[in-house]
Amino acid sequence: MPITITILAIESSCDETAAAVISEGKILSNVIASQKVHEKYGGVVPELASRQHVQKIIPVVEDALKGGGVSKKDLSAIAFTAGPGLIGSLMVGSSFAKAMALALNIPLITVHHMQAHIHAHFLAEEKPKFPFLCLTVSGGHTQIVLVKDFLKMEIIGETIDDAAGEAFDKTAKMLGIPYPGGPLIDVYAQKGNSHAFEFPEPNISDLDFSFSGLKTSILYFLKEKISQQPDFIEKNLNDICASVQRRIVTILLNKLEKAAKQFQINTIALAGGVSANSSLRKEANKLSDQLGWKLFIPPIEYCTDNAAMIASVSYHKFLAGEFAGMDAAPVARMEWENNV
């Protein structure tokens, strides 16, 4: 009688404590505990994030097991996010996973966080066929990835400095928008004129991105306008947000279009926290209609950090026999796996 593959996956790369259970490729539970403690600081405080993970990881795992209808003895392996992320947060998840795997005498599986974001697409009913291009956009990463198989992926373009999500968050901070600012920019932008103000698009060759220059131009723009009109931001908030959002989205999609033409691939996917942005989704769908793409965008619940996407990678790693030793250590700036 074949053994049922059931895996507990843990995600703790930043400020979400999450656990999920996957069995034979099907997600049985997906539990996420957010951290509200960072709001008054305008961003994630690493030490506070680590402490929150310590407090929440046991109840989150218990809820995931209960919600999945499985017990610890049913588990075939334990998976955890090994990086990239905040090292203190990663250590909480990795330490817990190692201890549990050791106690249960079952294998351990390490997962790359950005590879997991791409796997969000394999949790939906309709899945993209290989090969496809995936634009992965988050607070810490902006990449175009050529996805050849479940575990074979190659970065063909990435940011040379800041990520798109960081550009959203830093702009929000300049505008006095509370944390987390990126999603709130999207809310204000929907009520504004996206052509009210013009911001530059960086001239970066190949398929790489850059957002540091855009952030600088926004900063100088706001300083100049405020010197002339102290209440400029208050009176033009919606239009500023809409204009900034339009520029970030066009930078992303222009590179994605270039990559699709260069590699002659018309199966396109979006992933990562910024893929929840309404303008990016809307404009990507428009471009898809124009260029004949088959576009895939994950459900909102799988765009932001979650453990279900970690579970998906771990299931395919289990099938491939890719297990980690107890000496596996989390890495804050984890390099992309060389399985291309």
C-alpha atoms as a PDB file:
ATOM      1  CA  MET A   1       0.000   0.000   0.000  1.00  0.00           C
ATOM      2  CA  PRO A   2       1.545   3.372  -1.043  1.00  0.00           C
ATOM      3  CA  ILE A   3       2.454   5.811   1.698  1.00  0.00           C
ATOM      4  CA  THR A   4       0.525   9.097   1.752  1.00  0.00           C
ATOM      5  CA  ILE A   5       2.900  12.076   1.573  1.00  0.00           C
ATOM      6  CA  THR A   6       1.809  14.620   4.178  1.00  0.00           C
ATOM      7  CA  ILE A   7       4.040  17.600   4.985  1.00  0.00           C
ATOM      8  CA  LEU A   8       3.876  20.394   7.542  1.00  0.00           C
ATOM      9  CA  ALA A   9       5.339  23.624   6.107  1.00  0.00           C
ATOM     10  CA  ILE A  10       6.444  26.667   8.124  1.00  0.00           C
ATOM     11  CA  GLU A  11       6.952  30.228   6.856  1.00  0.00           C
ATOM     12  CA  SER A  12       8.617  32.859   9.080  1.00  0.00           C
ATOM     13  CA  SER A  13      10.747  34.970   6.745  1.00  0.00           C
ATOM     14  CA  CYS A  14       9.444  38.377   7.838  1.00  0.00           C
ATOM     15  CA  ASP A  15       6.428  39.397   9.916  1.00  0.00           C
ATOM     16  CA  GLU A  16       3.948  36.618   9.134  1.00  0.00           C
ATOM     17  CA  THR A  17       3.979  33.441  11.200  1.00  0.00           C
ATOM     18  CA  ALA A  18       2.423  30.796   8.992  1.00  0.00           C
ATOM     19  CA  ALA A  19       1.954  27.033   8.801  1.00  0.00           C
ATOM     20  CA  ALA A  20       0.240  24.795   6.271  1.00  0.00           C
ATOM     21  CA  VAL A  21      -0.395  21.117   5.724  1.00  0.00           C
ATOM     22  CA  ILE A  22      -0.204  19.534   2.281  1.00  0.00           C
ATOM     23  CA  SER A  23      -1.145  15.936   1.496  1.00  0.00           C
ATOM     24  CA  GLU A  24      -0.583  14.354  -1.923  1.00  0.00           C
ATOM     25  CA  GLY A  25      -0.241  17.827  -3.418  1.00  0.00           C
ATOM     26  CA  LYS A  26      -3.495  19.159  -1.923  1.00  0.00           C
ATOM     27  CA  ILE A  27      -3.496  21.944   0.678  1.00  0.00           C
ATOM     28  CA  LEU A  28      -5.459  20.832   3.736  1.00  0.00           C
ATOM     29  CA  SER A  29      -4.887  23.933   5.870  1.00  0.00           C
ATOM     30  CA  ASN A  30      -3.181  27.311   5.636  1.00  0.00           C
ATOM     31  CA  VAL A  31      -2.884  29.397   8.812  1.00  0.00           C
ATOM     32  CA  ILE A  32      -1.374  32.894   8.966  1.00  0.00           C
ATOM     33  CA  ALA A  33      -0.811  35.089  12.035  1.00  0.00           C
ATOM     34  CA  SER A  34       0.043  38.707  11.242  1.00  0.00           C
ATOM     35  CA  GLN A  35       2.054  41.016  13.489  1.00  0.00           C
ATOM     36  CA  LYS A  36       0.454  44.357  14.350  1.00  0.00           C
ATOM     37  CA  VAL A  37       3.300  45.488  16.609  1.00  0.00           C
ATOM     38  CA  HIS A  38       5.238  47.097  13.736  1.00  0.00           C
ATOM     39  CA  GLU A  39       2.564  49.612  12.686  1.00  0.00           C
ATOM     40  CA  LYS A  40       3.659  52.384  15.078  1.00  0.00           C
ATOM     41  CA  TYR A  41       7.266  52.130  13.842  1.00  0.00           C
ATOM     42  CA  GLY A  42       6.454  52.578  10.167  1.00  0.00           C
ATOM     43  CA  GLY A  43       8.123  49.281   9.196  1.00  0.00           C
ATOM     44  CA  VAL A  44       9.145  45.851  10.410  1.00  0.00           C
ATOM     45  CA  VAL A  45      11.441  45.873  13.458  1.00  0.00           C
ATOM     46  CA  PRO A  46      13.507  42.652  13.175  1.00  0.00           C
ATOM     47  CA  GLU A  47      13.898  41.993  16.903  1.00  0.00           C
ATOM     48  CA  LEU A  48      10.183  42.466  17.555  1.00  0.00           C
ATOM     49  CA  ALA A  49       9.354  40.228  14.602  1.00  0.00           C
ATOM     50  CA  SER A  50      11.516  37.426  16.018  1.00  0.00           C
ATOM     51  CA  ARG A  51       9.835  37.655  19.416  1.00  0.00           C
ATOM     52  CA  GLN A  52       6.389  37.572  17.832  1.00  0.00           C
ATOM     53  CA  HIS A  53       7.315  34.426  15.895  1.00  0.00           C
ATOM     54  CA  VAL A  54       8.422  32.739  19.133  1.00  0.00           C
ATOM     55  CA  GLN A  55       5.045  33.534  20.712  1.00  0.00           C
ATOM     56  CA  LYS A  56       2.914  32.510  17.750  1.00  0.00           C
ATOM     57  CA  ILE A  57       4.606  29.544  16.093  1.00  0.00           C
ATOM     58  CA  ILE A  58       3.242  26.826  18.412  1.00  0.00           C
ATOM     59  CA  PRO A  59      -0.435  27.893  18.257  1.00  0.00           C
ATOM     60  CA  VAL A  60      -0.160  28.485  14.494  1.00  0.00           C
ATOM     61  CA  VAL A  61       1.261  24.989  13.920  1.00  0.00           C
ATOM     62  CA  GLU A  62      -1.369  23.455  16.192  1.00  0.00           C
ATOM     63  CA  ASP A  63      -4.126  25.237  14.266  1.00  0.00           C
ATOM     64  CA  ALA A  64      -2.658  24.054  10.954  1.00  0.00           C
ATOM     65  CA  LEU A  65      -2.548  20.422  12.073  1.00  0.00           C
ATOM     66  CA  LYS A  66      -6.037  20.596  13.527  1.00  0.00           C
ATOM     67  CA  GLY A  67      -7.421  22.382  10.469  1.00  0.00           C
ATOM     68  CA  GLY A  68      -5.824  19.815   8.188  1.00  0.00           C
ATOM     69  CA  GLY A  69      -7.282  16.942  10.189  1.00  0.00           C
ATOM     70  CA  VAL A  70      -3.889  15.354  10.732  1.00  0.00           C
ATOM     71  CA  SER A  71      -1.784  14.486  13.737  1.00  0.00           C
ATOM     72  CA  LYS A  72       1.976  14.687  14.130  1.00  0.00           C
ATOM     73  CA  LYS A  73       2.313  10.932  13.524  1.00  0.00           C
ATOM     74  CA  ASP A  74       0.732  11.387  10.065  1.00  0.00           C
ATOM     75  CA  LEU A  75       3.525  13.688   8.891  1.00  0.00           C
ATOM     76  CA  SER A  76       6.063  12.516   6.308  1.00  0.00           C
ATOM     77  CA  ALA A  77       8.350  15.578   6.568  1.00  0.00           C
ATOM     78  CA  ILE A  78       8.711  19.104   7.955  1.00  0.00           C
ATOM     79  CA  ALA A  79       9.521  22.010   5.615  1.00  0.00           C
ATOM     80  CA  PHE A  80      10.601  25.547   6.422  1.00  0.00           C
ATOM     81  CA  THR A  81      11.616  28.747   4.677  1.00  0.00           C
ATOM     82  CA  ALA A  82      15.407  28.837   4.672  1.00  0.00           C
ATOM     83  CA  GLY A  83      15.678  32.324   3.158  1.00  0.00           C
ATOM     84  CA  PRO A  84      15.830  35.009   2.069  1.00  0.00           C
ATOM     85  CA  GLY A  85      14.386  37.055   4.900  1.00  0.00           C
ATOM     86  CA  LEU A  86      15.098  38.475   8.357  1.00  0.00           C
ATOM     87  CA  ILE A  87      17.675  36.191   9.929  1.00  0.00           C
ATOM     88  CA  GLY A  88      16.101  36.266  13.412  1.00  0.00           C
ATOM     89  CA  SER A  89      12.667  35.430  12.036  1.00  0.00           C
ATOM     90  CA  LEU A  90      14.073  32.667   9.851  1.00  0.00           C
ATOM     91  CA  MET A  91      15.892  31.147  12.816  1.00  0.00           C
ATOM     92  CA  VAL A  92      12.654  30.767  14.770  1.00  0.00           C
ATOM     93  CA  GLY A  93      11.028  28.808  11.948  1.00  0.00           C
ATOM     94  CA  SER A  94      14.093  26.711  11.170  1.00  0.00           C
ATOM     95  CA  SER A  95      14.758  25.856  14.837  1.00  0.00           C
ATOM     96  CA  PHE A  96      11.167  24.787  15.371  1.00  0.00           C
ATOM     97  CA  ALA A  97      11.125  22.703  12.171  1.00  0.00           C
ATOM     98  CA  LYS A  98      14.407  20.970  13.029  1.00  0.00           C
ATOM     99  CA  ALA A  99      13.287  20.152  16.563  1.00  0.00           C
ATOM    100  CA  MET A 100       9.987  18.731  15.356  1.00  0.00           C
ATOM    101  CA  ALA A 101      11.564  16.718  12.538  1.00  0.00           C
ATOM    102  CA  LEU A 102      14.161  15.335  14.938  1.00  0.00           C
ATOM    103  CA  ALA A 103      11.541  14.411  17.537  1.00  0.00           C
ATOM    104  CA  LEU A 104       9.377  12.665  14.943  1.00  0.00           C
ATOM    105  CA  ASN A 105      12.372  11.137  13.116  1.00  0.00           C
ATOM    106  CA  ILE A 106      11.163  12.404   9.736  1.00  0.00           C
ATOM    107  CA  PRO A 107      12.978  14.275   6.930  1.00  0.00           C
ATOM    108  CA  LEU A 108      13.577  18.015   6.805  1.00  0.00           C
ATOM    109  CA  ILE A 109      13.068  20.121   3.663  1.00  0.00           C
ATOM    110  CA  THR A 110      14.393  23.652   3.055  1.00  0.00           C
ATOM    111  CA  VAL A 111      12.533  26.043   0.747  1.00  0.00           C
ATOM    112  CA  HIS A 112      13.614  29.222  -1.052  1.00  0.00           C
ATOM    113  CA  HIS A 113      11.042  31.929  -0.321  1.00  0.00           C
ATOM    114  CA  MET A 114      10.956  33.401  -3.839  1.00  0.00           C
ATOM    115  CA  GLN A 115      10.663  29.987  -5.483  1.00  0.00           C
ATOM    116  CA  ALA A 116       7.692  29.433  -3.195  1.00  0.00           C
ATOM    117  CA  HIS A 117       5.961  32.601  -4.429  1.00  0.00           C
ATOM    118  CA  ILE A 118       6.029  31.111  -7.928  1.00  0.00           C
ATOM    119  CA  HIS A 119       4.517  27.912  -6.550  1.00  0.00           C
ATOM    120  CA  ALA A 120       1.430  29.882  -5.531  1.00  0.00           C
ATOM    121  CA  HIS A 121       0.323  29.217  -9.111  1.00  0.00           C
ATOM    122  CA  PHE A 122       0.307  25.471  -8.547  1.00  0.00           C
ATOM    123  CA  LEU A 123      -2.243  25.868  -5.766  1.00  0.00           C
ATOM    124  CA  ALA A 124      -4.936  27.181  -8.118  1.00  0.00           C
ATOM    125  CA  GLU A 125      -7.253  24.969 -10.163  1.00  0.00           C
ATOM    126  CA  GLU A 126      -5.874  26.190 -13.486  1.00  0.00           C
ATOM    127  CA  LYS A 127      -2.102  25.945 -13.524  1.00  0.00           C
ATOM    128  CA  PRO A 128       0.359  27.430 -16.039  1.00  0.00           C
ATOM    129  CA  LYS A 129       2.103  24.984 -18.352  1.00  0.00           C
ATOM    130  CA  PHE A 130       5.883  24.881 -18.630  1.00  0.00           C
ATOM    131  CA  PRO A 131       7.803  26.826 -19.705  1.00  0.00           C
ATOM    132  CA  PHE A 132       6.407  30.145 -18.512  1.00  0.00           C
ATOM    133  CA  LEU A 133       7.697  33.513 -17.360  1.00  0.00           C
ATOM    134  CA  CYS A 134       6.901  34.723 -13.867  1.00  0.00           C
ATOM    135  CA  LEU A 135       7.253  38.295 -12.663  1.00  0.00           C
ATOM    136  CA  THR A 136       7.883  37.936  -8.926  1.00  0.00           C
ATOM    137  CA  VAL A 137       7.411  41.244  -7.146  1.00  0.00           C
ATOM    138  CA  SER A 138       7.653  41.789  -3.401  1.00  0.00           C
ATOM    139  CA  GLY A 139       8.979  44.188  -0.807  1.00  0.00           C
ATOM    140  CA  GLY A 140      12.462  42.723  -1.086  1.00  0.00           C
ATOM    141  CA  HIS A 141      12.644  41.279  -4.600  1.00  0.00           C
ATOM    142  CA  THR A 142      11.771  42.070  -8.189  1.00  0.00           C
ATOM    143  CA  GLN A 143      12.611  39.314 -10.663  1.00  0.00           C
ATOM    144  CA  ILE A 144      11.607  37.819 -13.973  1.00  0.00           C
ATOM    145  CA  VAL A 145      11.991  34.057 -13.748  1.00  0.00           C
ATOM    146  CA  LEU A 146      11.972  31.486 -16.529  1.00  0.00           C
ATOM    147  CA  VAL A 147      10.086  28.555 -15.001  1.00  0.00           C
ATOM    148  CA  LYS A 148      11.059  25.317 -16.718  1.00  0.00           C
ATOM    149  CA  ASP A 149       9.612  22.838 -14.228  1.00  0.00           C
ATOM    150  CA  PHE A 150       8.442  22.658 -10.624  1.00  0.00           C
ATOM    151  CA  LEU A 151      12.016  22.836  -9.325  1.00  0.00           C
ATOM    152  CA  LYS A 152      13.894  24.138 -12.369  1.00  0.00           C
ATOM    153  CA  MET A 153      13.866  27.914 -12.583  1.00  0.00           C
ATOM    154  CA  GLU A 154      16.229  30.589 -13.847  1.00  0.00           C
ATOM    155  CA  ILE A 155      16.330  34.299 -13.064  1.00  0.00           C
ATOM    156  CA  ILE A 156      16.600  36.198 -16.361  1.00  0.00           C
ATOM    157  CA  GLY A 157      16.126  39.685 -14.923  1.00  0.00           C
ATOM    158  CA  GLU A 158      16.160  41.279 -11.483  1.00  0.00           C
ATOM    159  CA  THR A 159      16.520  44.594  -9.712  1.00  0.00           C
ATOM    160  CA  ILE A 160      20.032  45.980  -9.478  1.00  0.00           C
ATOM    161  CA  ASP A 161      19.143  47.997  -6.370  1.00  0.00           C
ATOM    162  CA  ASP A 162      15.723  48.351  -4.738  1.00  0.00           C
ATOM    163  CA  ALA A 163      12.583  46.267  -5.167  1.00  0.00           C
ATOM    164  CA  ALA A 164       9.255  47.525  -6.503  1.00  0.00           C
ATOM    165  CA  GLY A 165       7.565  46.807  -3.177  1.00  0.00           C
ATOM    166  CA  GLU A 166      10.169  48.918  -1.400  1.00  0.00           C
ATOM    167  CA  ALA A 167       9.489  51.776  -3.831  1.00  0.00           C
ATOM    168  CA  PHE A 168       5.815  51.611  -2.870  1.00  0.00           C
ATOM    169  CA  ASP A 169       6.560  51.475   0.861  1.00  0.00           C
ATOM    170  CA  LYS A 170       9.199  54.242   0.842  1.00  0.00           C
ATOM    171  CA  THR A 171       6.910  56.497  -1.205  1.00  0.00           C
ATOM    172  CA  ALA A 172       4.152  55.888   1.320  1.00  0.00           C
ATOM    173  CA  LYS A 173       6.502  56.924   4.110  1.00  0.00           C
ATOM    174  CA  MET A 174       7.380  60.155   2.257  1.00  0.00           C
ATOM    175  CA  LEU A 175       3.662  60.867   1.945  1.00  0.00           C
ATOM    176  CA  GLY A 176       2.976  60.225   5.620  1.00  0.00           C
ATOM    177  CA  ILE A 177       0.883  57.130   4.886  1.00  0.00           C
ATOM    178  CA  PRO A 178       0.957  54.654   7.805  1.00  0.00           C
ATOM    179  CA  TYR A 179       2.565  51.203   7.574  1.00  0.00           C
ATOM    180  CA  PRO A 180       1.987  49.029   5.627  1.00  0.00           C
ATOM    181  CA  GLY A 181       1.950  51.810   3.050  1.00  0.00           C
ATOM    182  CA  GLY A 182       2.122  49.926  -0.249  1.00  0.00           C
ATOM    183  CA  PRO A 183      -1.451  48.573  -0.143  1.00  0.00           C
ATOM    184  CA  LEU A 184      -2.747  51.980   0.997  1.00  0.00           C
ATOM    185  CA  ILE A 185      -1.138  53.690  -2.010  1.00  0.00           C
ATOM    186  CA  ASP A 186      -3.236  51.348  -4.135  1.00  0.00           C
ATOM    187  CA  VAL A 187      -6.381  52.452  -2.272  1.00  0.00           C
ATOM    188  CA  TYR A 188      -5.663  56.182  -2.701  1.00  0.00           C
ATOM    189  CA  ALA A 189      -4.572  55.684  -6.317  1.00  0.00           C
ATOM    190  CA  GLN A 190      -7.947  54.314  -7.298  1.00  0.00           C
ATOM    191  CA  LYS A 191      -9.425  57.751  -6.559  1.00  0.00           C
ATOM    192  CA  GLY A 192      -6.711  59.736  -8.348  1.00  0.00           C
ATOM    193  CA  ASN A 193      -5.541  60.786 -11.820  1.00  0.00           C
ATOM    194  CA  SER A 194      -2.615  58.549 -12.828  1.00  0.00           C
ATOM    195  CA  HIS A 195      -1.419  61.140 -15.377  1.00  0.00           C
ATOM    196  CA  ALA A 196      -1.452  64.108 -13.000  1.00  0.00           C
ATOM    197  CA  PHE A 197       2.314  63.962 -12.476  1.00  0.00           C
ATOM    198  CA  GLU A 198       5.155  62.428 -14.472  1.00  0.00           C
ATOM    199  CA  PHE A 199       7.976  60.406 -12.961  1.00  0.00           C
ATOM    200  CA  PRO A 200      10.947  59.021 -14.924  1.00  0.00           C
ATOM    201  CA  GLU A 201      11.409  55.465 -16.120  1.00  0.00           C
ATOM    202  CA  PRO A 202      15.005  54.256 -15.597  1.00  0.00           C
ATOM    203  CA  ASN A 203      17.075  53.427 -18.658  1.00  0.00           C
ATOM    204  CA  ILE A 204      18.372  49.994 -17.643  1.00  0.00           C
ATOM    205  CA  SER A 205      19.590  47.587 -20.310  1.00  0.00           C
ATOM    206  CA  ASP A 206      18.587  43.958 -20.691  1.00  0.00           C
ATOM    207  CA  LEU A 207      15.837  42.664 -18.418  1.00  0.00           C
ATOM    208  CA  ASP A 208      17.009  44.151 -15.128  1.00  0.00           C
ATOM    209  CA  PHE A 209      15.123  46.685 -13.016  1.00  0.00           C
ATOM    210  CA  SER A 210      16.058  49.730 -10.957  1.00  0.00           C
ATOM    211  CA  PHE A 211      13.894  51.669  -8.524  1.00  0.00           C
ATOM    212  CA  SER A 212      16.371  53.722  -6.483  1.00  0.00           C
ATOM    213  CA  GLY A 213      16.363  56.567  -9.018  1.00  0.00           C
ATOM    214  CA  LEU A 214      12.583  56.656  -9.045  1.00  0.00           C
ATOM    215  CA  LYS A 215      12.502  56.950  -5.256  1.00  0.00           C
ATOM    216  CA  THR A 216      14.986  59.834  -5.417  1.00  0.00           C
ATOM    217  CA  SER A 217      12.968  61.646  -8.083  1.00  0.00           C
ATOM    218  CA  ILE A 218       9.809  61.311  -5.982  1.00  0.00           C
ATOM    219  CA  LEU A 219      11.662  62.711  -2.958  1.00  0.00           C
ATOM    220  CA  TYR A 220      12.941  65.788  -4.830  1.00  0.00           C
ATOM    221  CA  PHE A 221       9.557  66.275  -6.497  1.00  0.00           C
ATOM    222  CA  LEU A 222       7.803  66.360  -3.115  1.00  0.00           C
ATOM    223  CA  LYS A 223      10.422  68.682  -1.565  1.00  0.00           C
ATOM    224  CA  GLU A 224      10.047  71.172  -4.407  1.00  0.00           C
ATOM    225  CA  LYS A 225       6.254  71.115  -4.358  1.00  0.00           C
ATOM    226  CA  ILE A 226       6.034  71.401  -0.575  1.00  0.00           C
ATOM    227  CA  SER A 227       8.407  74.394  -0.600  1.00  0.00           C
ATOM    228  CA  GLN A 228       5.936  76.147  -2.897  1.00  0.00           C
ATOM    229  CA  GLN A 229       2.766  74.812  -1.296  1.00  0.00           C
ATOM    230  CA  PRO A 230       3.061  73.378   2.258  1.00  0.00           C
ATOM    231  CA  ASP A 231      -0.208  71.432   1.999  1.00  0.00           C
ATOM    232  CA  PHE A 232       0.631  70.010  -1.448  1.00  0.00           C
ATOM    233  CA  ILE A 233       0.568  66.359  -0.341  1.00  0.00           C
ATOM    234  CA  GLU A 234      -2.708  66.713   1.521  1.00  0.00           C
ATOM    235  CA  LYS A 235      -4.418  68.340  -1.477  1.00  0.00           C
ATOM    236  CA  ASN A 236      -2.959  66.003  -4.099  1.00  0.00           C
ATOM    237  CA  LEU A 237      -2.543  62.696  -2.268  1.00  0.00           C
ATOM    238  CA  ASN A 238      -4.757  60.622  -4.561  1.00  0.00           C
ATOM    239  CA  ASP A 239      -3.131  61.982  -7.731  1.00  0.00           C
ATOM    240  CA  ILE A 240       0.399  61.494  -6.378  1.00  0.00           C
ATOM    241  CA  CYS A 241      -0.346  57.889  -5.431  1.00  0.00           C
ATOM    242  CA  ALA A 242      -1.963  57.192  -8.799  1.00  0.00           C
ATOM    243  CA  SER A 243       0.952  58.722 -10.717  1.00  0.00           C
ATOM    244  CA  VAL A 244       3.617  56.874  -8.726  1.00  0.00           C
ATOM    245  CA  GLN A 245       1.720  53.618  -9.036  1.00  0.00           C
ATOM    246  CA  ARG A 246       1.357  54.040 -12.794  1.00  0.00           C
ATOM    247  CA  ARG A 247       5.110  54.516 -13.195  1.00  0.00           C
ATOM    248  CA  ILE A 248       6.017  51.480 -11.072  1.00  0.00           C
ATOM    249  CA  VAL A 249       3.538  49.323 -12.971  1.00  0.00           C
ATOM    250  CA  THR A 250       4.773  50.483 -16.388  1.00  0.00           C
ATOM    251  CA  ILE A 251       8.387  49.774 -15.402  1.00  0.00           C
ATOM    252  CA  LEU A 252       7.409  46.226 -14.421  1.00  0.00           C
ATOM    253  CA  LEU A 253       5.261  45.459 -17.427  1.00  0.00           C
ATOM    254  CA  ASN A 254       7.592  47.001 -20.005  1.00  0.00           C
ATOM    255  CA  LYS A 255      10.353  44.629 -18.876  1.00  0.00           C
ATOM    256  CA  LEU A 256       7.963  41.700 -18.769  1.00  0.00           C
ATOM    257  CA  GLU A 257       6.827  42.419 -22.334  1.00  0.00           C
ATOM    258  CA  LYS A 258      10.451  42.608 -23.445  1.00  0.00           C
ATOM    259  CA  ALA A 259      11.207  39.255 -21.792  1.00  0.00           C
ATOM    260  CA  ALA A 260       8.187  37.590 -23.385  1.00  0.00           C
ATOM    261  CA  LYS A 261       9.328  38.732 -26.840  1.00  0.00           C
ATOM    262  CA  GLN A 262      12.957  37.791 -26.239  1.00  0.00           C
ATOM    263  CA  PHE A 263      12.145  34.253 -25.069  1.00  0.00           C
ATOM    264  CA  GLN A 264       9.088  33.872 -27.327  1.00  0.00           C
ATOM    265  CA  ILE A 265       6.909  32.733 -24.434  1.00  0.00           C
ATOM    266  CA  ASN A 266       3.286  33.785 -24.101  1.00  0.00           C
ATOM    267  CA  THR A 267       2.414  31.992 -20.865  1.00  0.00           C
ATOM    268  CA  ILE A 268       2.945  34.691 -18.249  1.00  0.00           C
ATOM    269  CA  ALA A 269       2.463  34.746 -14.480  1.00  0.00           C
ATOM    270  CA  LEU A 270       2.614  37.284 -11.656  1.00  0.00           C
ATOM    271  CA  ALA A 271       3.598  36.400  -8.089  1.00  0.00           C
ATOM    272  CA  GLY A 272       4.640  37.981  -4.791  1.00  0.00           C
ATOM    273  CA  GLY A 273       2.989  40.502  -2.520  1.00  0.00           C
ATOM    274  CA  VAL A 274       2.903  43.300  -5.107  1.00  0.00           C
ATOM    275  CA  SER A 275       0.958  41.038  -7.489  1.00  0.00           C
ATOM    276  CA  ALA A 276      -2.025  41.866  -5.271  1.00  0.00           C
ATOM    277  CA  ASN A 277      -1.839  45.484  -6.528  1.00  0.00           C
ATOM    278  CA  SER A 278      -5.049  46.289  -8.411  1.00  0.00           C
ATOM    279  CA  SER A 279      -3.357  48.449 -11.061  1.00  0.00           C
ATOM    280  CA  LEU A 280      -0.708  45.818 -11.828  1.00  0.00           C
ATOM    281  CA  ARG A 281      -3.429  43.189 -12.232  1.00  0.00           C
ATOM    282  CA  LYS A 282      -5.572  45.456 -14.399  1.00  0.00           C
ATOM    283  CA  GLU A 283      -2.745  46.595 -16.687  1.00  0.00           C
ATOM    284  CA  ALA A 284      -1.317  43.078 -16.951  1.00  0.00           C
ATOM    285  CA  ASN A 285      -4.713  41.839 -18.120  1.00  0.00           C
ATOM    286  CA  LYS A 286      -4.899  44.650 -20.693  1.00  0.00           C
ATOM    287  CA  LEU A 287      -1.431  43.787 -22.001  1.00  0.00           C
ATOM    288  CA  SER A 288      -2.359  40.127 -22.059  1.00  0.00           C
ATOM    289  CA  ASP A 289      -5.358  40.864 -24.271  1.00  0.00           C
ATOM    290  CA  GLN A 290      -3.238  42.982 -26.619  1.00  0.00           C
ATOM    291  CA  LEU A 291      -0.374  40.509 -26.965  1.00  0.00           C
ATOM    292  CA  GLY A 292      -2.245  37.224 -26.756  1.00  0.00           C
ATOM    293  CA  TRP A 293      -0.711  36.100 -23.490  1.00  0.00           C
ATOM    294  CA  LYS A 294      -2.180  33.393 -21.302  1.00  0.00           C
ATOM    295  CA  LEU A 295      -1.957  35.242 -17.996  1.00  0.00           C
ATOM    296  CA  PHE A 296      -1.984  33.699 -14.517  1.00  0.00           C
ATOM    297  CA  ILE A 297      -2.382  35.700 -11.306  1.00  0.00           C
ATOM    298  CA  PRO A 298      -2.705  33.917  -7.928  1.00  0.00           C
ATOM    299  CA  PRO A 299      -5.665  34.467  -5.607  1.00  0.00           C
ATOM    300  CA  ILE A 300      -4.981  37.330  -3.183  1.00  0.00           C
ATOM    301  CA  GLU A 301      -4.564  34.890  -0.279  1.00  0.00           C
ATOM    302  CA  TYR A 302      -1.555  33.334  -2.012  1.00  0.00           C
ATOM    303  CA  CYS A 303       0.097  36.601  -3.134  1.00  0.00           C
ATOM    304  CA  THR A 304       1.352  37.690   0.266  1.00  0.00           C
ATOM    305  CA  ASP A 305       3.563  35.539   2.511  1.00  0.00           C
ATOM    306  CA  ASN A 306       1.920  32.234   3.416  1.00  0.00           C
ATOM    307  CA  ALA A 307       2.915  28.665   4.190  1.00  0.00           C
ATOM    308  CA  ALA A 308       0.805  26.988   1.487  1.00  0.00           C
ATOM    309  CA  MET A 309       3.312  28.098  -1.143  1.00  0.00           C
ATOM    310  CA  ILE A 310       6.148  26.705   1.020  1.00  0.00           C
ATOM    311  CA  ALA A 311       4.224  23.436   1.238  1.00  0.00           C
ATOM    312  CA  SER A 312       3.883  23.226  -2.545  1.00  0.00           C
ATOM    313  CA  VAL A 313       7.646  23.469  -3.089  1.00  0.00           C
ATOM    314  CA  SER A 314       8.301  20.972  -0.297  1.00  0.00           C
ATOM    315  CA  TYR A 315       5.923  18.421  -1.814  1.00  0.00           C
ATOM    316  CA  HIS A 316       7.805  18.457  -5.120  1.00  0.00           C
ATOM    317  CA  LYS A 317      11.138  18.362  -3.292  1.00  0.00           C
ATOM    318  CA  PHE A 318       9.913  15.314  -1.377  1.00  0.00           C
ATOM    319  CA  LEU A 319       9.034  13.595  -4.655  1.00  0.00           C
ATOM    320  CA  ALA A 320      12.500  14.461  -5.988  1.00  0.00           C
ATOM    321  CA  GLY A 321      14.210  13.207  -2.838  1.00  0.00           C
ATOM    322  CA  GLU A 322      15.685  16.617  -2.041  1.00  0.00           C
ATOM    323  CA  PHE A 323      16.034  16.589   1.729  1.00  0.00           C
ATOM    324  CA  ALA A 324      18.155  18.723   4.050  1.00  0.00           C
ATOM    325  CA  GLY A 325      20.371  17.739   6.965  1.00  0.00           C
ATOM    326  CA  MET A 326      19.956  18.944  10.516  1.00  0.00           C
ATOM    327  CA  ASP A 327      22.856  21.314   9.865  1.00  0.00           C
ATOM    328  CA  ALA A 328      20.773  23.304   7.349  1.00  0.00           C
ATOM    329  CA  ALA A 329      20.996  26.955   8.366  1.00  0.00           C
ATOM    330  CA  PRO A 330      18.727  29.841   7.340  1.00  0.00           C
ATOM    331  CA  VAL A 331      20.325  32.574   5.247  1.00  0.00           C
ATOM    332  CA  ALA A 332      19.157  36.196   5.181  1.00  0.00           C
ATOM    333  CA  ARG A 333      20.260  36.699   1.564  1.00  0.00           C
ATOM    334  CA  MET A 334      19.781  33.231   0.190  1.00  0.00           C
ATOM    335  CA  GLU A 335      21.066  32.726  -3.347  1.00  0.00           C
ATOM    336  CA  TRP A 336      18.771  31.233  -5.940  1.00  0.00           C
ATOM    337  CA  GLU A 337      19.131  27.469  -6.079  1.00  0.00           C
ATOM    338  CA  ASN A 338      21.313  26.263  -8.942  1.00  0.00           C
ATOM    339  CA  ASN A 339      18.703  23.770 -10.115  1.00  0.00           C
ATOM    340  CA  VAL A 340      18.115  25.377 -13.509  1.00  0.00           C
END
